[in-house]
Amino acid sequence: RFLLPCLVPVLLLGACREQPEAQTTFP
């Protein structure tokens, strides 16, 4: 259940890429 987008076991690591950040209302 950890294997979400960008959450991968060792052998599938290369499939993940950083996603752009959205606009935020946090200070």
mmCIF file of all heavy atoms, coordinates in Angstrom:
data_MODEL
# 
_entry.id   MODEL 
# 
loop_
_atom_site.group_PDB 
_atom_site.id 
_atom_site.type_symbol 
_atom_site.label_atom_id 
_atom_site.label_alt_id 
_atom_site.label_comp_id 
_atom_site.label_asym_id 
_atom_site.label_entity_id 
_atom_site.label_seq_id 
_atom_site.pdbx_PDB_ins_code 
_atom_site.Cartn_x 
_atom_site.Cartn_y 
_atom_site.Cartn_z 
_atom_site.occupancy 
_atom_site.B_iso_or_equiv 
_atom_site.pdbx_formal_charge 
_atom_site.auth_seq_id 
_atom_site.auth_comp_id 
_atom_site.auth_asym_id 
_atom_site.auth_atom_id 
_atom_site.pdbx_PDB_model_num 
ATOM 1   N N   . ARG A 1 1  ? 0.818  -1.214 0.000   1.00 0.00 ? 1  ARG A N   1 
ATOM 2   C CA  . ARG A 1 1  ? 0.000  0.000  0.000   1.00 0.00 ? 1  ARG A CA  1 
ATOM 3   C C   . ARG A 1 1  ? 0.846  1.255  0.000   1.00 0.00 ? 1  ARG A C   1 
ATOM 4   O O   . ARG A 1 1  ? 0.337  2.351  -0.150  1.00 0.00 ? 1  ARG A O   1 
ATOM 5   C CB  . ARG A 1 1  ? -0.956 0.005  1.196   1.00 0.00 ? 1  ARG A CB  1 
ATOM 6   C CG  . ARG A 1 1  ? -0.321 0.158  2.553   1.00 0.00 ? 1  ARG A CG  1 
ATOM 7   C CD  . ARG A 1 1  ? -1.364 -0.158 3.595   1.00 0.00 ? 1  ARG A CD  1 
ATOM 8   N NE  . ARG A 1 1  ? -0.867 0.025  4.942   1.00 0.00 ? 1  ARG A NE  1 
ATOM 9   C CZ  . ARG A 1 1  ? -1.223 1.027  5.722   1.00 0.00 ? 1  ARG A CZ  1 
ATOM 10  N NH1 . ARG A 1 1  ? -2.030 1.968  5.267   1.00 0.00 ? 1  ARG A NH1 1 
ATOM 11  N NH2 . ARG A 1 1  ? -0.767 1.117  6.954   1.00 0.00 ? 1  ARG A NH2 1 
ATOM 12  N N   . PHE A 1 2  ? 2.183  1.130  0.140   1.00 0.00 ? 2  PHE A N   1 
ATOM 13  C CA  . PHE A 1 2  ? 3.072  2.274  -0.005  1.00 0.00 ? 2  PHE A CA  1 
ATOM 14  C C   . PHE A 1 2  ? 3.367  2.571  -1.472  1.00 0.00 ? 2  PHE A C   1 
ATOM 15  O O   . PHE A 1 2  ? 3.934  3.599  -1.784  1.00 0.00 ? 2  PHE A O   1 
ATOM 16  C CB  . PHE A 1 2  ? 4.419  1.999  0.678   1.00 0.00 ? 2  PHE A CB  1 
ATOM 17  C CG  . PHE A 1 2  ? 4.396  2.139  2.171   1.00 0.00 ? 2  PHE A CG  1 
ATOM 18  C CD1 . PHE A 1 2  ? 5.536  1.849  2.901   1.00 0.00 ? 2  PHE A CD1 1 
ATOM 19  C CD2 . PHE A 1 2  ? 3.274  2.565  2.833   1.00 0.00 ? 2  PHE A CD2 1 
ATOM 20  C CE1 . PHE A 1 2  ? 5.540  1.976  4.275   1.00 0.00 ? 2  PHE A CE1 1 
ATOM 21  C CE2 . PHE A 1 2  ? 3.261  2.698  4.206   1.00 0.00 ? 2  PHE A CE2 1 
ATOM 22  C CZ  . PHE A 1 2  ? 4.406  2.399  4.926   1.00 0.00 ? 2  PHE A CZ  1 
ATOM 23  N N   . LEU A 1 3  ? 3.042  1.661  -2.394  1.00 0.00 ? 3  LEU A N   1 
ATOM 24  C CA  . LEU A 1 3  ? 3.509  1.790  -3.758  1.00 0.00 ? 3  LEU A CA  1 
ATOM 25  C C   . LEU A 1 3  ? 2.590  2.704  -4.553  1.00 0.00 ? 3  LEU A C   1 
ATOM 26  O O   . LEU A 1 3  ? 1.919  2.309  -5.489  1.00 0.00 ? 3  LEU A O   1 
ATOM 27  C CB  . LEU A 1 3  ? 3.625  0.419  -4.413  1.00 0.00 ? 3  LEU A CB  1 
ATOM 28  C CG  . LEU A 1 3  ? 4.513  -0.555 -3.632  1.00 0.00 ? 3  LEU A CG  1 
ATOM 29  C CD1 . LEU A 1 3  ? 4.671  -1.846 -4.408  1.00 0.00 ? 3  LEU A CD1 1 
ATOM 30  C CD2 . LEU A 1 3  ? 5.871  0.052  -3.335  1.00 0.00 ? 3  LEU A CD2 1 
ATOM 31  N N   . LEU A 1 4  ? 2.574  3.972  -4.158  1.00 0.00 ? 4  LEU A N   1 
ATOM 32  C CA  . LEU A 1 4  ? 1.828  5.028  -4.827  1.00 0.00 ? 4  LEU A CA  1 
ATOM 33  C C   . LEU A 1 4  ? 2.738  5.675  -5.861  1.00 0.00 ? 4  LEU A C   1 
ATOM 34  O O   . LEU A 1 4  ? 3.900  5.339  -5.962  1.00 0.00 ? 4  LEU A O   1 
ATOM 35  C CB  . LEU A 1 4  ? 1.394  6.054  -3.782  1.00 0.00 ? 4  LEU A CB  1 
ATOM 36  C CG  . LEU A 1 4  ? 0.635  5.470  -2.577  1.00 0.00 ? 4  LEU A CG  1 
ATOM 37  C CD1 . LEU A 1 4  ? 0.385  6.578  -1.564  1.00 0.00 ? 4  LEU A CD1 1 
ATOM 38  C CD2 . LEU A 1 4  ? -0.659 4.847  -3.002  1.00 0.00 ? 4  LEU A CD2 1 
ATOM 39  N N   . PRO A 1 5  ? 2.255  6.647  -6.671  1.00 0.00 ? 5  PRO A N   1 
ATOM 40  C CA  . PRO A 1 5  ? 3.155  7.350  -7.573  1.00 0.00 ? 5  PRO A CA  1 
ATOM 41  C C   . PRO A 1 5  ? 4.349  7.903  -6.809  1.00 0.00 ? 5  PRO A C   1 
ATOM 42  O O   . PRO A 1 5  ? 4.203  8.583  -5.802  1.00 0.00 ? 5  PRO A O   1 
ATOM 43  C CB  . PRO A 1 5  ? 2.279  8.474  -8.145  1.00 0.00 ? 5  PRO A CB  1 
ATOM 44  C CG  . PRO A 1 5  ? 0.891  7.924  -8.073  1.00 0.00 ? 5  PRO A CG  1 
ATOM 45  C CD  . PRO A 1 5  ? 0.861  7.097  -6.811  1.00 0.00 ? 5  PRO A CD  1 
ATOM 46  N N   . CYS A 1 6  ? 5.545  7.609  -7.310  1.00 0.00 ? 6  CYS A N   1 
ATOM 47  C CA  . CYS A 1 6  ? 6.802  8.039  -6.717  1.00 0.00 ? 6  CYS A CA  1 
ATOM 48  C C   . CYS A 1 6  ? 7.156  7.284  -5.438  1.00 0.00 ? 6  CYS A C   1 
ATOM 49  O O   . CYS A 1 6  ? 8.131  7.622  -4.789  1.00 0.00 ? 6  CYS A O   1 
ATOM 50  C CB  . CYS A 1 6  ? 6.834  9.526  -6.420  1.00 0.00 ? 6  CYS A CB  1 
ATOM 51  S SG  . CYS A 1 6  ? 6.965  10.538 -7.875  1.00 0.00 ? 6  CYS A SG  1 
ATOM 52  N N   . LEU A 1 7  ? 6.403  6.235  -5.085  1.00 0.00 ? 7  LEU A N   1 
ATOM 53  C CA  . LEU A 1 7  ? 6.771  5.426  -3.927  1.00 0.00 ? 7  LEU A CA  1 
ATOM 54  C C   . LEU A 1 7  ? 7.029  4.033  -4.446  1.00 0.00 ? 7  LEU A C   1 
ATOM 55  O O   . LEU A 1 7  ? 6.125  3.338  -4.845  1.00 0.00 ? 7  LEU A O   1 
ATOM 56  C CB  . LEU A 1 7  ? 5.638  5.406  -2.912  1.00 0.00 ? 7  LEU A CB  1 
ATOM 57  C CG  . LEU A 1 7  ? 5.897  4.614  -1.643  1.00 0.00 ? 7  LEU A CG  1 
ATOM 58  C CD1 . LEU A 1 7  ? 7.148  5.138  -0.960  1.00 0.00 ? 7  LEU A CD1 1 
ATOM 59  C CD2 . LEU A 1 7  ? 4.730  4.697  -0.716  1.00 0.00 ? 7  LEU A CD2 1 
ATOM 60  N N   . VAL A 1 8  ? 8.289  3.611  -4.461  1.00 0.00 ? 8  VAL A N   1 
ATOM 61  C CA  . VAL A 1 8  ? 8.655  2.429  -5.223  1.00 0.00 ? 8  VAL A CA  1 
ATOM 62  C C   . VAL A 1 8  ? 9.636  1.581  -4.466  1.00 0.00 ? 8  VAL A C   1 
ATOM 63  O O   . VAL A 1 8  ? 10.434 2.081  -3.682  1.00 0.00 ? 8  VAL A O   1 
ATOM 64  C CB  . VAL A 1 8  ? 9.286  2.849  -6.570  1.00 0.00 ? 8  VAL A CB  1 
ATOM 65  C CG1 . VAL A 1 8  ? 8.254  3.465  -7.473  1.00 0.00 ? 8  VAL A CG1 1 
ATOM 66  C CG2 . VAL A 1 8  ? 10.444 3.806  -6.362  1.00 0.00 ? 8  VAL A CG2 1 
ATOM 67  N N   . PRO A 1 9  ? 9.616  0.241  -4.692  1.00 0.00 ? 9  PRO A N   1 
ATOM 68  C CA  . PRO A 1 9  ? 10.697 -0.571 -4.179  1.00 0.00 ? 9  PRO A CA  1 
ATOM 69  C C   . PRO A 1 9  ? 11.963 -0.311 -4.971  1.00 0.00 ? 9  PRO A C   1 
ATOM 70  O O   . PRO A 1 9  ? 11.949 0.325  -6.015  1.00 0.00 ? 9  PRO A O   1 
ATOM 71  C CB  . PRO A 1 9  ? 10.179 -2.001 -4.374  1.00 0.00 ? 9  PRO A CB  1 
ATOM 72  C CG  . PRO A 1 9  ? 9.220  -1.899 -5.503  1.00 0.00 ? 9  PRO A CG  1 
ATOM 73  C CD  . PRO A 1 9  ? 8.595  -0.537 -5.388  1.00 0.00 ? 9  PRO A CD  1 
ATOM 74  N N   . VAL A 1 10 ? 13.070 -0.835 -4.496  1.00 0.00 ? 10 VAL A N   1 
ATOM 75  C CA  . VAL A 1 10 ? 14.373 -0.505 -5.057  1.00 0.00 ? 10 VAL A CA  1 
ATOM 76  C C   . VAL A 1 10 ? 14.432 -0.710 -6.561  1.00 0.00 ? 10 VAL A C   1 
ATOM 77  O O   . VAL A 1 10 ? 14.909 0.140  -7.303  1.00 0.00 ? 10 VAL A O   1 
ATOM 78  C CB  . VAL A 1 10 ? 15.446 -1.358 -4.361  1.00 0.00 ? 10 VAL A CB  1 
ATOM 79  C CG1 . VAL A 1 10 ? 16.792 -1.169 -5.025  1.00 0.00 ? 10 VAL A CG1 1 
ATOM 80  C CG2 . VAL A 1 10 ? 15.533 -0.998 -2.887  1.00 0.00 ? 10 VAL A CG2 1 
ATOM 81  N N   . LEU A 1 11 ? 13.921 -1.828 -7.065  1.00 0.00 ? 11 LEU A N   1 
ATOM 82  C CA  . LEU A 1 11 ? 14.127 -2.167 -8.462  1.00 0.00 ? 11 LEU A CA  1 
ATOM 83  C C   . LEU A 1 11 ? 13.318 -1.298 -9.412  1.00 0.00 ? 11 LEU A C   1 
ATOM 84  O O   . LEU A 1 11 ? 13.581 -1.288 -10.605 1.00 0.00 ? 11 LEU A O   1 
ATOM 85  C CB  . LEU A 1 11 ? 13.784 -3.647 -8.686  1.00 0.00 ? 11 LEU A CB  1 
ATOM 86  C CG  . LEU A 1 11 ? 14.673 -4.626 -7.906  1.00 0.00 ? 11 LEU A CG  1 
ATOM 87  C CD1 . LEU A 1 11 ? 14.247 -6.062 -8.187  1.00 0.00 ? 11 LEU A CD1 1 
ATOM 88  C CD2 . LEU A 1 11 ? 16.144 -4.432 -8.264  1.00 0.00 ? 11 LEU A CD2 1 
ATOM 89  N N   . LEU A 1 12 ? 12.315 -0.536 -8.909  1.00 0.00 ? 12 LEU A N   1 
ATOM 90  C CA  . LEU A 1 12 ? 11.486 0.310  -9.761  1.00 0.00 ? 12 LEU A CA  1 
ATOM 91  C C   . LEU A 1 12 ? 11.789 1.790  -9.575  1.00 0.00 ? 12 LEU A C   1 
ATOM 92  O O   . LEU A 1 12 ? 11.051 2.634  -10.026 1.00 0.00 ? 12 LEU A O   1 
ATOM 93  C CB  . LEU A 1 12 ? 10.004 0.057  -9.478  1.00 0.00 ? 12 LEU A CB  1 
ATOM 94  C CG  . LEU A 1 12 ? 9.510  -1.375 -9.707  1.00 0.00 ? 12 LEU A CG  1 
ATOM 95  C CD1 . LEU A 1 12 ? 8.024  -1.463 -9.389  1.00 0.00 ? 12 LEU A CD1 1 
ATOM 96  C CD2 . LEU A 1 12 ? 9.773  -1.830 -11.126 1.00 0.00 ? 12 LEU A CD2 1 
ATOM 97  N N   . LEU A 1 13 ? 12.900 2.092  -8.973  1.00 0.00 ? 13 LEU A N   1 
ATOM 98  C CA  . LEU A 1 13 ? 13.198 3.463  -8.582  1.00 0.00 ? 13 LEU A CA  1 
ATOM 99  C C   . LEU A 1 13 ? 13.223 4.435  -9.745  1.00 0.00 ? 13 LEU A C   1 
ATOM 100 O O   . LEU A 1 13 ? 12.760 5.553  -9.647  1.00 0.00 ? 13 LEU A O   1 
ATOM 101 C CB  . LEU A 1 13 ? 14.552 3.498  -7.864  1.00 0.00 ? 13 LEU A CB  1 
ATOM 102 C CG  . LEU A 1 13 ? 15.000 4.832  -7.307  1.00 0.00 ? 13 LEU A CG  1 
ATOM 103 C CD1 . LEU A 1 13 ? 14.044 5.298  -6.232  1.00 0.00 ? 13 LEU A CD1 1 
ATOM 104 C CD2 . LEU A 1 13 ? 16.402 4.720  -6.760  1.00 0.00 ? 13 LEU A CD2 1 
ATOM 105 N N   . GLY A 1 14 ? 13.742 4.023  -10.874 1.00 0.00 ? 14 GLY A N   1 
ATOM 106 C CA  . GLY A 1 14 ? 13.923 4.939  -11.977 1.00 0.00 ? 14 GLY A CA  1 
ATOM 107 C C   . GLY A 1 14 ? 12.638 5.476  -12.569 1.00 0.00 ? 14 GLY A C   1 
ATOM 108 O O   . GLY A 1 14 ? 12.661 6.423  -13.346 1.00 0.00 ? 14 GLY A O   1 
ATOM 109 N N   . ALA A 1 15 ? 11.493 4.896  -12.218 1.00 0.00 ? 15 ALA A N   1 
ATOM 110 C CA  . ALA A 1 15 ? 10.228 5.342  -12.803 1.00 0.00 ? 15 ALA A CA  1 
ATOM 111 C C   . ALA A 1 15 ? 9.697  6.623  -12.198 1.00 0.00 ? 15 ALA A C   1 
ATOM 112 O O   . ALA A 1 15 ? 8.740  7.198  -12.696 1.00 0.00 ? 15 ALA A O   1 
ATOM 113 C CB  . ALA A 1 15 ? 9.180  4.248  -12.642 1.00 0.00 ? 15 ALA A CB  1 
ATOM 114 N N   . CYS A 1 16 ? 10.296 7.107  -11.118 1.00 0.00 ? 16 CYS A N   1 
ATOM 115 C CA  . CYS A 1 16 ? 9.734  8.233  -10.373 1.00 0.00 ? 16 CYS A CA  1 
ATOM 116 C C   . CYS A 1 16 ? 10.410 9.545  -10.751 1.00 0.00 ? 16 CYS A C   1 
ATOM 117 O O   . CYS A 1 16 ? 11.611 9.602  -10.898 1.00 0.00 ? 16 CYS A O   1 
ATOM 118 C CB  . CYS A 1 16 ? 9.886  7.973  -8.882  1.00 0.00 ? 16 CYS A CB  1 
ATOM 119 S SG  . CYS A 1 16 ? 9.195  9.260  -7.874  1.00 0.00 ? 16 CYS A SG  1 
ATOM 120 N N   . ARG A 1 17 ? 9.631  10.596 -10.886 1.00 0.00 ? 17 ARG A N   1 
ATOM 121 C CA  . ARG A 1 17 ? 10.159 11.923 -11.183 1.00 0.00 ? 17 ARG A CA  1 
ATOM 122 C C   . ARG A 1 17 ? 9.478  12.939 -10.286 1.00 0.00 ? 17 ARG A C   1 
ATOM 123 O O   . ARG A 1 17 ? 8.300  12.807 -9.963  1.00 0.00 ? 17 ARG A O   1 
ATOM 124 C CB  . ARG A 1 17 ? 9.918  12.304 -12.654 1.00 0.00 ? 17 ARG A CB  1 
ATOM 125 C CG  . ARG A 1 17 ? 10.707 11.452 -13.632 1.00 0.00 ? 17 ARG A CG  1 
ATOM 126 C CD  . ARG A 1 17 ? 12.193 11.718 -13.517 1.00 0.00 ? 17 ARG A CD  1 
ATOM 127 N NE  . ARG A 1 17 ? 12.954 10.951 -14.485 1.00 0.00 ? 17 ARG A NE  1 
ATOM 128 C CZ  . ARG A 1 17 ? 13.436 9.749  -14.288 1.00 0.00 ? 17 ARG A CZ  1 
ATOM 129 N NH1 . ARG A 1 17 ? 13.203 9.133  -13.141 1.00 0.00 ? 17 ARG A NH1 1 
ATOM 130 N NH2 . ARG A 1 17 ? 14.128 9.124  -15.212 1.00 0.00 ? 17 ARG A NH2 1 
ATOM 131 N N   . GLU A 1 18 ? 10.212 13.959 -9.899  1.00 0.00 ? 18 GLU A N   1 
ATOM 132 C CA  . GLU A 1 18 ? 9.643  15.001 -9.044  1.00 0.00 ? 18 GLU A CA  1 
ATOM 133 C C   . GLU A 1 18 ? 8.550  15.742 -9.783  1.00 0.00 ? 18 GLU A C   1 
ATOM 134 O O   . GLU A 1 18 ? 8.655  16.026 -10.972 1.00 0.00 ? 18 GLU A O   1 
ATOM 135 C CB  . GLU A 1 18 ? 10.755 15.965 -8.623  1.00 0.00 ? 18 GLU A CB  1 
ATOM 136 C CG  . GLU A 1 18 ? 10.285 17.013 -7.647  1.00 0.00 ? 18 GLU A CG  1 
ATOM 137 C CD  . GLU A 1 18 ? 11.431 17.831 -7.081  1.00 0.00 ? 18 GLU A CD  1 
ATOM 138 O OE1 . GLU A 1 18 ? 12.488 17.265 -6.832  1.00 0.00 ? 18 GLU A OE1 1 
ATOM 139 O OE2 . GLU A 1 18 ? 11.239 19.043 -6.912  1.00 0.00 ? 18 GLU A OE2 1 
ATOM 140 N N   . GLN A 1 19 ? 7.463  16.083 -9.075  1.00 0.00 ? 19 GLN A N   1 
ATOM 141 C CA  . GLN A 1 19 ? 6.324  16.766 -9.654  1.00 0.00 ? 19 GLN A CA  1 
ATOM 142 C C   . GLN A 1 19 ? 6.381  18.255 -9.325  1.00 0.00 ? 19 GLN A C   1 
ATOM 143 O O   . GLN A 1 19 ? 6.921  18.653 -8.304  1.00 0.00 ? 19 GLN A O   1 
ATOM 144 C CB  . GLN A 1 19 ? 5.027  16.181 -9.097  1.00 0.00 ? 19 GLN A CB  1 
ATOM 145 C CG  . GLN A 1 19 ? 4.888  14.681 -9.351  1.00 0.00 ? 19 GLN A CG  1 
ATOM 146 C CD  . GLN A 1 19 ? 3.702  14.103 -8.627  1.00 0.00 ? 19 GLN A CD  1 
ATOM 147 O OE1 . GLN A 1 19 ? 2.831  14.832 -8.161  1.00 0.00 ? 19 GLN A OE1 1 
ATOM 148 N NE2 . GLN A 1 19 ? 3.656  12.790 -8.508  1.00 0.00 ? 19 GLN A NE2 1 
ATOM 149 N N   . PRO A 1 20 ? 5.808  19.111 -10.190 1.00 0.00 ? 20 PRO A N   1 
ATOM 150 C CA  . PRO A 1 20 ? 5.819  20.542 -9.901  1.00 0.00 ? 20 PRO A CA  1 
ATOM 151 C C   . PRO A 1 20 ? 4.942  20.867 -8.703  1.00 0.00 ? 20 PRO A C   1 
ATOM 152 O O   . PRO A 1 20 ? 3.930  20.217 -8.458  1.00 0.00 ? 20 PRO A O   1 
ATOM 153 C CB  . PRO A 1 20 ? 5.244  21.172 -11.187 1.00 0.00 ? 20 PRO A CB  1 
ATOM 154 C CG  . PRO A 1 20 ? 4.428  20.075 -11.800 1.00 0.00 ? 20 PRO A CG  1 
ATOM 155 C CD  . PRO A 1 20 ? 5.142  18.801 -11.476 1.00 0.00 ? 20 PRO A CD  1 
ATOM 156 N N   . GLU A 1 21 ? 5.341  21.900 -7.963  1.00 0.00 ? 21 GLU A N   1 
ATOM 157 C CA  . GLU A 1 21 ? 4.572  22.312 -6.800  1.00 0.00 ? 21 GLU A CA  1 
ATOM 158 C C   . GLU A 1 21 ? 3.412  23.226 -7.210  1.00 0.00 ? 21 GLU A C   1 
ATOM 159 O O   . GLU A 1 21 ? 3.514  24.033 -8.111  1.00 0.00 ? 21 GLU A O   1 
ATOM 160 C CB  . GLU A 1 21 ? 5.469  23.063 -5.817  1.00 0.00 ? 21 GLU A CB  1 
ATOM 161 C CG  . GLU A 1 21 ? 6.520  22.193 -5.173  1.00 0.00 ? 21 GLU A CG  1 
ATOM 162 C CD  . GLU A 1 21 ? 7.275  22.954 -4.106  1.00 0.00 ? 21 GLU A CD  1 
ATOM 163 O OE1 . GLU A 1 21 ? 6.714  23.163 -3.008  1.00 0.00 ? 21 GLU A OE1 1 
ATOM 164 O OE2 . GLU A 1 21 ? 8.401  23.339 -4.376  1.00 0.00 ? 21 GLU A OE2 1 
ATOM 165 N N   . ALA A 1 22 ? 2.284  23.074 -6.533  1.00 0.00 ? 22 ALA A N   1 
ATOM 166 C CA  . ALA A 1 22 ? 1.113  23.903 -6.807  1.00 0.00 ? 22 ALA A CA  1 
ATOM 167 C C   . ALA A 1 22 ? 1.182  25.190 -5.990  1.00 0.00 ? 22 ALA A C   1 
ATOM 168 O O   . ALA A 1 22 ? 1.960  25.321 -5.056  1.00 0.00 ? 22 ALA A O   1 
ATOM 169 C CB  . ALA A 1 22 ? -0.145 23.121 -6.449  1.00 0.00 ? 22 ALA A CB  1 
ATOM 170 N N   . GLN A 1 23 ? 0.355  26.161 -6.367  1.00 0.00 ? 23 GLN A N   1 
ATOM 171 C CA  . GLN A 1 23 ? 0.240  27.386 -5.591  1.00 0.00 ? 23 GLN A CA  1 
ATOM 172 C C   . GLN A 1 23 ? -0.273 27.065 -4.200  1.00 0.00 ? 23 GLN A C   1 
ATOM 173 O O   . GLN A 1 23 ? -1.073 26.141 -4.018  1.00 0.00 ? 23 GLN A O   1 
ATOM 174 C CB  . GLN A 1 23 ? -0.703 28.364 -6.296  1.00 0.00 ? 23 GLN A CB  1 
ATOM 175 C CG  . GLN A 1 23 ? -0.171 28.896 -7.626  1.00 0.00 ? 23 GLN A CG  1 
ATOM 176 C CD  . GLN A 1 23 ? 1.080  29.728 -7.437  1.00 0.00 ? 23 GLN A CD  1 
ATOM 177 O OE1 . GLN A 1 23 ? 1.156  30.548 -6.525  1.00 0.00 ? 23 GLN A OE1 1 
ATOM 178 N NE2 . GLN A 1 23 ? 2.079  29.515 -8.293  1.00 0.00 ? 23 GLN A NE2 1 
ATOM 179 N N   . THR A 1 24 ? 0.166  27.817 -3.207  1.00 0.00 ? 24 THR A N   1 
ATOM 180 C CA  . THR A 1 24 ? -0.182 27.484 -1.835  1.00 0.00 ? 24 THR A CA  1 
ATOM 181 C C   . THR A 1 24 ? -0.604 28.725 -1.073  1.00 0.00 ? 24 THR A C   1 
ATOM 182 O O   . THR A 1 24 ? -0.184 29.840 -1.388  1.00 0.00 ? 24 THR A O   1 
ATOM 183 C CB  . THR A 1 24 ? 1.015  26.827 -1.127  1.00 0.00 ? 24 THR A CB  1 
ATOM 184 O OG1 . THR A 1 24 ? 0.671  26.568 0.235   1.00 0.00 ? 24 THR A OG1 1 
ATOM 185 C CG2 . THR A 1 24 ? 2.248  27.717 -1.163  1.00 0.00 ? 24 THR A CG2 1 
ATOM 186 N N   . THR A 1 25 ? -1.455 28.514 -0.061  1.00 0.00 ? 25 THR A N   1 
ATOM 187 C CA  . THR A 1 25 ? -1.856 29.605 0.826   1.00 0.00 ? 25 THR A CA  1 
ATOM 188 C C   . THR A 1 25 ? -1.140 29.513 2.168   1.00 0.00 ? 25 THR A C   1 
ATOM 189 O O   . THR A 1 25 ? -1.489 30.230 3.100   1.00 0.00 ? 25 THR A O   1 
ATOM 190 C CB  . THR A 1 25 ? -3.378 29.567 1.058   1.00 0.00 ? 25 THR A CB  1 
ATOM 191 O OG1 . THR A 1 25 ? -3.743 28.282 1.593   1.00 0.00 ? 25 THR A OG1 1 
ATOM 192 C CG2 . THR A 1 25 ? -4.130 29.811 -0.235  1.00 0.00 ? 25 THR A CG2 1 
ATOM 193 N N   . PHE A 1 26 ? -0.167 28.621 2.277   1.00 0.00 ? 26 PHE A N   1 
ATOM 194 C CA  . PHE A 1 26 ? 0.586  28.494 3.518   1.00 0.00 ? 26 PHE A CA  1 
ATOM 195 C C   . PHE A 1 26 ? 1.518  29.691 3.698   1.00 0.00 ? 26 PHE A C   1 
ATOM 196 O O   . PHE A 1 26 ? 2.045  30.229 2.718   1.00 0.00 ? 26 PHE A O   1 
ATOM 197 C CB  . PHE A 1 26 ? 1.405  27.203 3.516   1.00 0.00 ? 26 PHE A CB  1 
ATOM 198 C CG  . PHE A 1 26 ? 0.576  25.962 3.563   1.00 0.00 ? 26 PHE A CG  1 
ATOM 199 C CD1 . PHE A 1 26 ? 0.177  25.323 2.388   1.00 0.00 ? 26 PHE A CD1 1 
ATOM 200 C CD2 . PHE A 1 26 ? 0.177  25.415 4.777   1.00 0.00 ? 26 PHE A CD2 1 
ATOM 201 C CE1 . PHE A 1 26 ? -0.597 24.181 2.425   1.00 0.00 ? 26 PHE A CE1 1 
ATOM 202 C CE2 . PHE A 1 26 ? -0.593 24.260 4.823   1.00 0.00 ? 26 PHE A CE2 1 
ATOM 203 C CZ  . PHE A 1 26 ? -0.984 23.646 3.644   1.00 0.00 ? 26 PHE A CZ  1 
ATOM 204 N N   . PRO A 1 27 ? 1.745  30.113 4.936   1.00 0.00 ? 27 PRO A N   1 
ATOM 205 C CA  . PRO A 1 27 ? 2.623  31.279 5.150   1.00 0.00 ? 27 PRO A CA  1 
ATOM 206 C C   . PRO A 1 27 ? 4.083  30.958 4.882   1.00 0.00 ? 27 PRO A C   1 
ATOM 207 O O   . PRO A 1 27 ? 4.546  29.829 5.096   1.00 0.00 ? 27 PRO A O   1 
ATOM 208 C CB  . PRO A 1 27 ? 2.402  31.593 6.636   1.00 0.00 ? 27 PRO A CB  1 
ATOM 209 C CG  . PRO A 1 27 ? 2.033  30.282 7.254   1.00 0.00 ? 27 PRO A CG  1 
ATOM 210 C CD  . PRO A 1 27 ? 1.205  29.569 6.208   1.00 0.00 ? 27 PRO A CD  1 
# 
